[in-house]
Amino acid sequence: MSDDNNQPFFNIQRIYLKDMSLEQPNSPGIFLEQEMPSVEVEVDVKADRLAESVFEVLVTGTVTAKIADKVGFLIEAKQAGIFDIRNIPAEQIDPLVGIACPTILFPYLRSNIADAITRAGFPPIHLAEINFQALYEQRIAQLASAQEGAANGATH
């Protein structure tokens, strides 16, 4: 008979919009422009351990739309989730928090940003899917090279 208390456990406790800001510095004039805007998108992931097995994961999306050199809008949204992760090997927790959790949160972030952009009077912008595994691997590689550089700088 196995003990269920040692079974791997992953649970979403809550998903919530932690913060959102929208700026339209050139409204209403920007609505008269006929040119298509250029759009820049940045996404970042952060995680905090709230308790031994509880993590808050935050996916931040920043979208900036410009027409010529004028900002049409700038929106930043922070989509968060609280995840209960237990009985998972320590080496698997970081990838779980850095890949699986943001993958769960991203559709909520994308929806909130698209809704805010539409409510601001602009045509909807739907963020493309993001490969959080590739982002995670890129971050790990950057950390490794930074640590390697620090270690080489510390040699006698």
N, C-alpha and C. Protein backbone atom coordinates (compact mmCIF):
# COMPACT_ATOMS: atom_id res chain seq x y z
N MET A 1 0.84 -1.18 0.00
CA MET A 1 0.00 0.00 0.00
C MET A 1 0.88 1.25 0.00
N SER A 2 0.65 2.15 -0.93
CA SER A 2 1.49 3.34 -0.99
C SER A 2 0.89 4.45 -0.13
N ASP A 3 1.77 5.33 0.30
CA ASP A 3 1.36 6.46 1.13
C ASP A 3 1.07 7.65 0.20
N ASP A 4 -0.18 8.09 0.12
CA ASP A 4 -0.57 9.19 -0.77
C ASP A 4 0.08 10.52 -0.39
N ASN A 5 0.56 10.64 0.84
CA ASN A 5 1.17 11.90 1.27
C ASN A 5 2.48 12.19 0.55
N ASN A 6 3.07 11.18 -0.07
CA ASN A 6 4.33 11.39 -0.78
C ASN A 6 4.13 11.49 -2.28
N GLN A 7 2.89 11.50 -2.74
CA GLN A 7 2.60 11.62 -4.17
C GLN A 7 2.92 13.04 -4.64
N PRO A 8 3.47 13.19 -5.85
CA PRO A 8 3.68 14.53 -6.39
C PRO A 8 2.34 15.28 -6.43
N PHE A 9 2.37 16.56 -6.08
CA PHE A 9 1.15 17.36 -5.99
C PHE A 9 1.42 18.71 -6.61
N PHE A 10 0.54 19.10 -7.55
CA PHE A 10 0.61 20.41 -8.20
C PHE A 10 -0.80 20.95 -8.25
N ASN A 11 -1.01 22.12 -7.66
CA ASN A 11 -2.35 22.68 -7.62
C ASN A 11 -2.29 24.19 -7.82
N ILE A 12 -3.23 24.69 -8.61
CA ILE A 12 -3.37 26.14 -8.78
C ILE A 12 -4.28 26.61 -7.66
N GLN A 13 -3.75 27.42 -6.75
CA GLN A 13 -4.59 27.96 -5.68
C GLN A 13 -5.39 29.16 -6.16
N ARG A 14 -4.75 30.00 -6.98
CA ARG A 14 -5.44 31.21 -7.44
C ARG A 14 -4.70 31.79 -8.63
N ILE A 15 -5.47 32.36 -9.55
CA ILE A 15 -4.92 33.12 -10.67
C ILE A 15 -5.56 34.50 -10.60
N TYR A 16 -4.71 35.55 -10.68
CA TYR A 16 -5.26 36.90 -10.51
C TYR A 16 -4.42 37.92 -11.27
N LEU A 17 -5.07 39.02 -11.62
CA LEU A 17 -4.40 40.15 -12.24
C LEU A 17 -3.84 41.00 -11.11
N LYS A 18 -2.52 41.03 -10.99
CA LYS A 18 -1.89 41.71 -9.86
C LYS A 18 -1.76 43.22 -10.09
N ASP A 19 -1.50 43.59 -11.35
CA ASP A 19 -1.28 45.01 -11.64
C ASP A 19 -1.51 45.24 -13.12
N MET A 20 -2.05 46.41 -13.46
CA MET A 20 -2.20 46.77 -14.86
C MET A 20 -2.18 48.28 -14.98
N SER A 21 -1.43 48.77 -15.95
CA SER A 21 -1.43 50.21 -16.21
C SER A 21 -1.52 50.44 -17.71
N LEU A 22 -2.19 51.50 -18.06
CA LEU A 22 -2.37 51.87 -19.46
C LEU A 22 -2.13 53.37 -19.58
N GLU A 23 -1.29 53.73 -20.53
CA GLU A 23 -1.04 55.15 -20.79
C GLU A 23 -1.32 55.42 -22.26
N GLN A 24 -1.98 56.56 -22.52
CA GLN A 24 -2.24 57.02 -23.88
C GLN A 24 -1.79 58.47 -23.96
N PRO A 25 -0.50 58.72 -23.98
CA PRO A 25 -0.01 60.10 -23.88
C PRO A 25 -0.40 61.00 -25.05
N ASN A 26 -0.73 60.43 -26.19
CA ASN A 26 -1.03 61.25 -27.36
C ASN A 26 -2.49 61.17 -27.81
N SER A 27 -3.37 60.74 -26.92
CA SER A 27 -4.79 60.72 -27.25
C SER A 27 -5.37 62.10 -27.00
N PRO A 28 -6.32 62.54 -27.75
CA PRO A 28 -7.06 61.84 -28.80
C PRO A 28 -6.42 61.95 -30.18
N GLY A 29 -5.40 62.79 -30.32
CA GLY A 29 -4.81 63.01 -31.65
C GLY A 29 -4.33 61.75 -32.33
N ILE A 30 -3.86 60.80 -31.57
CA ILE A 30 -3.31 59.57 -32.13
C ILE A 30 -4.37 58.77 -32.90
N PHE A 31 -5.64 58.96 -32.51
CA PHE A 31 -6.72 58.23 -33.18
C PHE A 31 -6.95 58.73 -34.61
N LEU A 32 -6.45 59.92 -34.93
CA LEU A 32 -6.62 60.48 -36.27
C LEU A 32 -5.54 60.00 -37.23
N GLU A 33 -4.49 59.38 -36.71
CA GLU A 33 -3.40 58.88 -37.56
C GLU A 33 -3.91 57.71 -38.42
N GLN A 34 -3.44 57.67 -39.65
CA GLN A 34 -3.85 56.61 -40.58
C GLN A 34 -2.81 55.49 -40.68
N GLU A 35 -1.60 55.80 -40.26
CA GLU A 35 -0.49 54.85 -40.37
C GLU A 35 -0.69 53.68 -39.40
N MET A 36 -0.18 52.50 -39.80
CA MET A 36 -0.22 51.34 -38.90
C MET A 36 0.84 51.51 -37.82
N PRO A 37 0.48 51.19 -36.59
CA PRO A 37 1.47 51.34 -35.51
C PRO A 37 2.51 50.21 -35.54
N SER A 38 3.68 50.53 -35.00
CA SER A 38 4.66 49.48 -34.74
C SER A 38 4.42 49.04 -33.29
N VAL A 39 4.54 47.76 -33.06
CA VAL A 39 4.22 47.22 -31.73
C VAL A 39 5.42 46.46 -31.19
N GLU A 40 5.78 46.78 -29.96
CA GLU A 40 6.84 46.06 -29.26
C GLU A 40 6.22 45.32 -28.09
N VAL A 41 6.65 44.08 -27.89
CA VAL A 41 6.13 43.27 -26.79
C VAL A 41 7.30 42.72 -25.99
N GLU A 42 7.22 42.86 -24.67
CA GLU A 42 8.21 42.28 -23.78
C GLU A 42 7.47 41.42 -22.76
N VAL A 43 8.05 40.26 -22.46
CA VAL A 43 7.46 39.37 -21.46
C VAL A 43 8.56 38.96 -20.49
N ASP A 44 8.22 38.95 -19.20
CA ASP A 44 9.17 38.56 -18.17
C ASP A 44 8.48 37.64 -17.18
N VAL A 45 9.25 36.76 -16.57
CA VAL A 45 8.71 35.82 -15.59
C VAL A 45 9.51 35.94 -14.31
N LYS A 46 8.80 36.00 -13.18
CA LYS A 46 9.44 36.01 -11.87
C LYS A 46 8.67 35.06 -10.97
N ALA A 47 9.37 34.52 -9.98
CA ALA A 47 8.71 33.63 -9.03
C ALA A 47 9.24 33.89 -7.64
N ASP A 48 8.36 33.81 -6.66
CA ASP A 48 8.72 33.95 -5.25
C ASP A 48 8.17 32.77 -4.49
N ARG A 49 8.97 32.25 -3.59
CA ARG A 49 8.49 31.17 -2.71
C ARG A 49 7.80 31.85 -1.53
N LEU A 50 6.50 31.58 -1.37
CA LEU A 50 5.71 32.18 -0.29
C LEU A 50 5.76 31.32 0.98
N ALA A 51 5.87 30.03 0.79
CA ALA A 51 5.97 29.06 1.90
C ALA A 51 6.75 27.88 1.34
N GLU A 52 6.97 26.86 2.13
CA GLU A 52 7.80 25.74 1.69
C GLU A 52 7.34 25.17 0.36
N SER A 53 6.03 25.02 0.18
CA SER A 53 5.53 24.40 -1.05
C SER A 53 4.63 25.33 -1.87
N VAL A 54 4.62 26.62 -1.53
CA VAL A 54 3.72 27.56 -2.20
C VAL A 54 4.55 28.65 -2.90
N PHE A 55 4.23 28.85 -4.19
CA PHE A 55 4.97 29.81 -5.00
C PHE A 55 4.00 30.79 -5.65
N GLU A 56 4.43 32.06 -5.73
CA GLU A 56 3.72 33.03 -6.56
C GLU A 56 4.55 33.19 -7.82
N VAL A 57 3.91 33.00 -8.95
CA VAL A 57 4.57 33.18 -10.24
C VAL A 57 3.91 34.38 -10.92
N LEU A 58 4.76 35.25 -11.46
CA LEU A 58 4.30 36.50 -12.05
C LEU A 58 4.79 36.56 -13.50
N VAL A 59 3.85 36.73 -14.42
CA VAL A 59 4.20 36.93 -15.83
C VAL A 59 3.83 38.37 -16.16
N THR A 60 4.84 39.15 -16.54
CA THR A 60 4.63 40.56 -16.86
C THR A 60 4.69 40.74 -18.36
N GLY A 61 3.69 41.40 -18.91
CA GLY A 61 3.67 41.70 -20.33
C GLY A 61 3.63 43.21 -20.52
N THR A 62 4.50 43.71 -21.38
CA THR A 62 4.53 45.15 -21.69
C THR A 62 4.35 45.29 -23.19
N VAL A 63 3.36 46.06 -23.60
CA VAL A 63 3.09 46.28 -25.02
C VAL A 63 3.14 47.78 -25.28
N THR A 64 3.97 48.17 -26.24
CA THR A 64 4.08 49.57 -26.63
C THR A 64 3.74 49.68 -28.11
N ALA A 65 2.80 50.55 -28.44
CA ALA A 65 2.43 50.80 -29.83
C ALA A 65 2.79 52.24 -30.17
N LYS A 66 3.53 52.39 -31.27
CA LYS A 66 3.95 53.73 -31.70
C LYS A 66 3.52 53.95 -33.14
N ILE A 67 3.15 55.18 -33.43
CA ILE A 67 2.91 55.60 -34.81
C ILE A 67 3.92 56.71 -35.05
N ALA A 68 4.81 56.46 -36.00
CA ALA A 68 5.98 57.32 -36.23
C ALA A 68 6.75 57.37 -34.91
N ASP A 69 6.92 58.56 -34.33
CA ASP A 69 7.65 58.63 -33.07
C ASP A 69 6.72 58.90 -31.89
N LYS A 70 5.41 58.80 -32.12
CA LYS A 70 4.43 59.07 -31.06
C LYS A 70 3.92 57.76 -30.45
N VAL A 71 3.88 57.72 -29.13
CA VAL A 71 3.35 56.54 -28.44
C VAL A 71 1.83 56.58 -28.53
N GLY A 72 1.24 55.53 -29.10
CA GLY A 72 -0.21 55.40 -29.13
C GLY A 72 -0.70 54.95 -27.77
N PHE A 73 -0.08 53.88 -27.28
CA PHE A 73 -0.37 53.41 -25.93
C PHE A 73 0.79 52.59 -25.41
N LEU A 74 0.85 52.52 -24.11
CA LEU A 74 1.80 51.68 -23.40
C LEU A 74 0.99 50.97 -22.33
N ILE A 75 1.02 49.67 -22.36
CA ILE A 75 0.27 48.90 -21.36
C ILE A 75 1.22 47.90 -20.71
N GLU A 76 1.12 47.82 -19.40
CA GLU A 76 1.88 46.80 -18.66
C GLU A 76 0.90 46.07 -17.76
N ALA A 77 0.94 44.75 -17.83
CA ALA A 77 0.06 43.93 -17.00
C ALA A 77 0.89 42.85 -16.33
N LYS A 78 0.54 42.57 -15.07
CA LYS A 78 1.20 41.52 -14.30
C LYS A 78 0.16 40.50 -13.91
N GLN A 79 0.23 39.35 -14.55
CA GLN A 79 -0.68 38.24 -14.27
C GLN A 79 0.03 37.32 -13.29
N ALA A 80 -0.64 37.00 -12.20
CA ALA A 80 -0.01 36.19 -11.16
C ALA A 80 -0.81 34.94 -10.87
N GLY A 81 -0.11 33.99 -10.28
CA GLY A 81 -0.76 32.77 -9.84
C GLY A 81 -0.07 32.28 -8.59
N ILE A 82 -0.85 31.65 -7.73
CA ILE A 82 -0.29 31.00 -6.55
C ILE A 82 -0.43 29.50 -6.79
N PHE A 83 0.70 28.82 -6.71
CA PHE A 83 0.77 27.39 -7.01
C PHE A 83 1.27 26.63 -5.79
N ASP A 84 0.62 25.53 -5.50
CA ASP A 84 1.02 24.63 -4.42
C ASP A 84 1.74 23.45 -5.07
N ILE A 85 3.02 23.31 -4.78
CA ILE A 85 3.85 22.28 -5.41
C ILE A 85 4.52 21.47 -4.30
N ARG A 86 4.14 20.19 -4.19
CA ARG A 86 4.69 19.35 -3.13
C ARG A 86 5.17 18.01 -3.67
N ASN A 87 6.14 17.45 -2.96
CA ASN A 87 6.67 16.11 -3.26
C ASN A 87 7.20 16.00 -4.69
N ILE A 88 7.79 17.09 -5.14
CA ILE A 88 8.43 17.13 -6.46
C ILE A 88 9.94 17.21 -6.19
N PRO A 89 10.76 16.43 -6.88
CA PRO A 89 12.21 16.53 -6.67
C PRO A 89 12.70 17.97 -6.84
N ALA A 90 13.60 18.38 -5.98
CA ALA A 90 14.08 19.78 -5.96
C ALA A 90 14.54 20.27 -7.33
N GLU A 91 15.22 19.40 -8.10
CA GLU A 91 15.74 19.82 -9.40
C GLU A 91 14.63 20.04 -10.43
N GLN A 92 13.42 19.57 -10.14
CA GLN A 92 12.31 19.75 -11.07
C GLN A 92 11.44 20.96 -10.74
N ILE A 93 11.63 21.52 -9.54
CA ILE A 93 10.78 22.64 -9.13
C ILE A 93 11.05 23.89 -9.97
N ASP A 94 12.31 24.23 -10.18
CA ASP A 94 12.62 25.45 -10.93
C ASP A 94 12.05 25.39 -12.35
N PRO A 95 12.22 24.28 -13.10
CA PRO A 95 11.59 24.23 -14.43
C PRO A 95 10.06 24.28 -14.37
N LEU A 96 9.48 23.67 -13.35
CA LEU A 96 8.03 23.69 -13.20
C LEU A 96 7.53 25.12 -13.00
N VAL A 97 8.22 25.85 -12.12
CA VAL A 97 7.85 27.24 -11.82
C VAL A 97 8.20 28.17 -12.99
N GLY A 98 9.27 27.84 -13.73
CA GLY A 98 9.72 28.71 -14.82
C GLY A 98 9.12 28.42 -16.17
N ILE A 99 8.49 27.24 -16.33
CA ILE A 99 7.93 26.86 -17.64
C ILE A 99 6.43 26.57 -17.53
N ALA A 100 6.06 25.60 -16.70
CA ALA A 100 4.66 25.17 -16.63
C ALA A 100 3.75 26.27 -16.08
N CYS A 101 4.16 26.90 -14.99
CA CYS A 101 3.31 27.94 -14.37
C CYS A 101 3.09 29.13 -15.30
N PRO A 102 4.14 29.70 -15.93
CA PRO A 102 3.90 30.80 -16.86
C PRO A 102 3.03 30.39 -18.06
N THR A 103 3.17 29.13 -18.50
CA THR A 103 2.36 28.64 -19.61
C THR A 103 0.88 28.64 -19.23
N ILE A 104 0.58 28.33 -17.97
CA ILE A 104 -0.79 28.37 -17.46
C ILE A 104 -1.30 29.81 -17.38
N LEU A 105 -0.44 30.73 -16.94
CA LEU A 105 -0.85 32.12 -16.71
C LEU A 105 -0.97 32.94 -17.99
N PHE A 106 -0.18 32.62 -19.01
CA PHE A 106 -0.08 33.48 -20.19
C PHE A 106 -1.42 33.73 -20.89
N PRO A 107 -2.29 32.74 -21.07
CA PRO A 107 -3.57 33.04 -21.73
C PRO A 107 -4.40 34.09 -20.98
N TYR A 108 -4.33 34.10 -19.67
CA TYR A 108 -5.03 35.12 -18.87
C TYR A 108 -4.42 36.49 -19.12
N LEU A 109 -3.10 36.56 -19.14
CA LEU A 109 -2.40 37.82 -19.41
C LEU A 109 -2.76 38.34 -20.79
N ARG A 110 -2.70 37.45 -21.78
CA ARG A 110 -3.00 37.84 -23.16
C ARG A 110 -4.43 38.38 -23.28
N SER A 111 -5.37 37.72 -22.63
CA SER A 111 -6.76 38.16 -22.65
C SER A 111 -6.94 39.52 -21.99
N ASN A 112 -6.32 39.71 -20.84
CA ASN A 112 -6.44 40.99 -20.12
C ASN A 112 -5.83 42.14 -20.92
N ILE A 113 -4.68 41.89 -21.56
CA ILE A 113 -4.05 42.94 -22.36
C ILE A 113 -4.92 43.26 -23.59
N ALA A 114 -5.41 42.24 -24.28
CA ALA A 114 -6.25 42.47 -25.47
C ALA A 114 -7.51 43.25 -25.08
N ASP A 115 -8.11 42.90 -23.95
CA ASP A 115 -9.32 43.59 -23.48
C ASP A 115 -9.02 45.06 -23.17
N ALA A 116 -7.92 45.32 -22.48
CA ALA A 116 -7.57 46.71 -22.12
C ALA A 116 -7.29 47.54 -23.36
N ILE A 117 -6.61 46.96 -24.34
CA ILE A 117 -6.29 47.69 -25.57
C ILE A 117 -7.59 48.05 -26.31
N THR A 118 -8.51 47.11 -26.39
CA THR A 118 -9.80 47.37 -27.05
C THR A 118 -10.59 48.42 -26.29
N ARG A 119 -10.63 48.33 -24.97
CA ARG A 119 -11.36 49.31 -24.17
C ARG A 119 -10.75 50.71 -24.27
N ALA A 120 -9.45 50.76 -24.60
CA ALA A 120 -8.77 52.05 -24.76
C ALA A 120 -9.07 52.68 -26.12
N GLY A 121 -9.80 51.95 -26.98
CA GLY A 121 -10.20 52.52 -28.27
C GLY A 121 -9.31 52.12 -29.43
N PHE A 122 -8.39 51.18 -29.21
CA PHE A 122 -7.49 50.74 -30.27
C PHE A 122 -7.93 49.39 -30.81
N PRO A 123 -7.52 49.06 -32.03
CA PRO A 123 -7.83 47.72 -32.54
C PRO A 123 -7.15 46.67 -31.66
N PRO A 124 -7.77 45.52 -31.48
CA PRO A 124 -7.19 44.52 -30.59
C PRO A 124 -5.84 44.02 -31.09
N ILE A 125 -4.96 43.76 -30.15
CA ILE A 125 -3.67 43.15 -30.45
C ILE A 125 -3.64 41.87 -29.64
N HIS A 126 -3.48 40.75 -30.31
CA HIS A 126 -3.42 39.47 -29.62
C HIS A 126 -1.97 39.01 -29.61
N LEU A 127 -1.43 38.85 -28.43
CA LEU A 127 -0.05 38.43 -28.29
C LEU A 127 0.12 37.00 -28.80
N ALA A 128 1.20 36.77 -29.49
CA ALA A 128 1.51 35.44 -30.01
C ALA A 128 1.86 34.51 -28.86
N GLU A 129 1.71 33.22 -29.11
CA GLU A 129 2.10 32.23 -28.10
C GLU A 129 3.59 32.40 -27.78
N ILE A 130 3.95 32.07 -26.58
CA ILE A 130 5.35 32.17 -26.15
C ILE A 130 5.82 30.79 -25.72
N ASN A 131 7.02 30.44 -26.14
CA ASN A 131 7.63 29.18 -25.73
C ASN A 131 8.40 29.45 -24.44
N PHE A 132 7.75 29.18 -23.31
CA PHE A 132 8.37 29.46 -22.03
C PHE A 132 9.54 28.53 -21.75
N GLN A 133 9.57 27.36 -22.39
CA GLN A 133 10.72 26.48 -22.22
C GLN A 133 11.95 27.13 -22.84
N ALA A 134 11.81 27.70 -24.02
CA ALA A 134 12.94 28.37 -24.67
C ALA A 134 13.39 29.57 -23.85
N LEU A 135 12.45 30.35 -23.32
CA LEU A 135 12.80 31.49 -22.46
C LEU A 135 13.54 31.03 -21.22
N TYR A 136 13.06 29.95 -20.62
CA TYR A 136 13.68 29.40 -19.42
C TYR A 136 15.11 28.95 -19.71
N GLU A 137 15.29 28.22 -20.82
CA GLU A 137 16.62 27.73 -21.19
C GLU A 137 17.57 28.90 -21.49
N GLN A 138 17.04 29.94 -22.11
CA GLN A 138 17.85 31.14 -22.40
C GLN A 138 18.29 31.80 -21.09
N ARG A 139 17.36 31.90 -20.13
CA ARG A 139 17.69 32.50 -18.84
C ARG A 139 18.75 31.69 -18.10
N ILE A 140 18.61 30.36 -18.13
CA ILE A 140 19.58 29.47 -17.48
C ILE A 140 20.96 29.64 -18.13
N ALA A 141 21.01 29.72 -19.44
CA ALA A 141 22.27 29.90 -20.16
C ALA A 141 22.91 31.24 -19.80
N GLN A 142 22.09 32.30 -19.69
CA GLN A 142 22.62 33.61 -19.32
C GLN A 142 23.18 33.58 -17.90
N LEU A 143 22.48 32.92 -16.97
CA LEU A 143 22.96 32.81 -15.60
C LEU A 143 24.27 32.02 -15.55
N ALA A 144 24.35 30.94 -16.32
CA ALA A 144 25.55 30.11 -16.33
C ALA A 144 26.74 30.90 -16.86
N SER A 145 26.55 31.66 -17.94
CA SER A 145 27.66 32.42 -18.49
C SER A 145 28.06 33.57 -17.57
N ALA A 146 27.09 34.16 -16.87
CA ALA A 146 27.40 35.22 -15.90
C ALA A 146 28.20 34.65 -14.73
N GLN A 147 27.81 33.46 -14.26
CA GLN A 147 28.54 32.83 -13.16
C GLN A 147 29.94 32.41 -13.61
N GLU A 148 30.04 31.93 -14.85
CA GLU A 148 31.34 31.54 -15.38
C GLU A 148 32.25 32.75 -15.50
N GLY A 149 31.68 33.87 -15.96
CA GLY A 149 32.46 35.11 -16.07
C GLY A 149 32.91 35.60 -14.69
N ALA A 150 32.05 35.50 -13.69
CA ALA A 150 32.39 35.90 -12.33
C ALA A 150 33.47 35.00 -11.77
N ALA A 151 33.37 33.69 -12.05
CA ALA A 151 34.35 32.74 -11.55
C ALA A 151 35.71 33.00 -12.21
N ASN A 152 35.72 33.29 -13.50
CA ASN A 152 36.99 33.58 -14.18
C ASN A 152 37.61 34.87 -13.68
N GLY A 153 36.79 35.84 -13.35
CA GLY A 153 37.28 37.09 -12.81
C GLY A 153 37.84 36.95 -11.41
N ALA A 154 37.41 35.91 -10.69
CA ALA A 154 37.84 35.71 -9.30
C ALA A 154 39.10 34.86 -9.20
N THR A 155 39.56 34.30 -10.33
CA THR A 155 40.75 33.46 -10.26
C THR A 155 41.98 34.33 -10.06
N HIS A 156 43.00 33.72 -9.46
CA HIS A 156 44.20 34.49 -9.13
C HIS A 156 45.12 34.56 -10.29
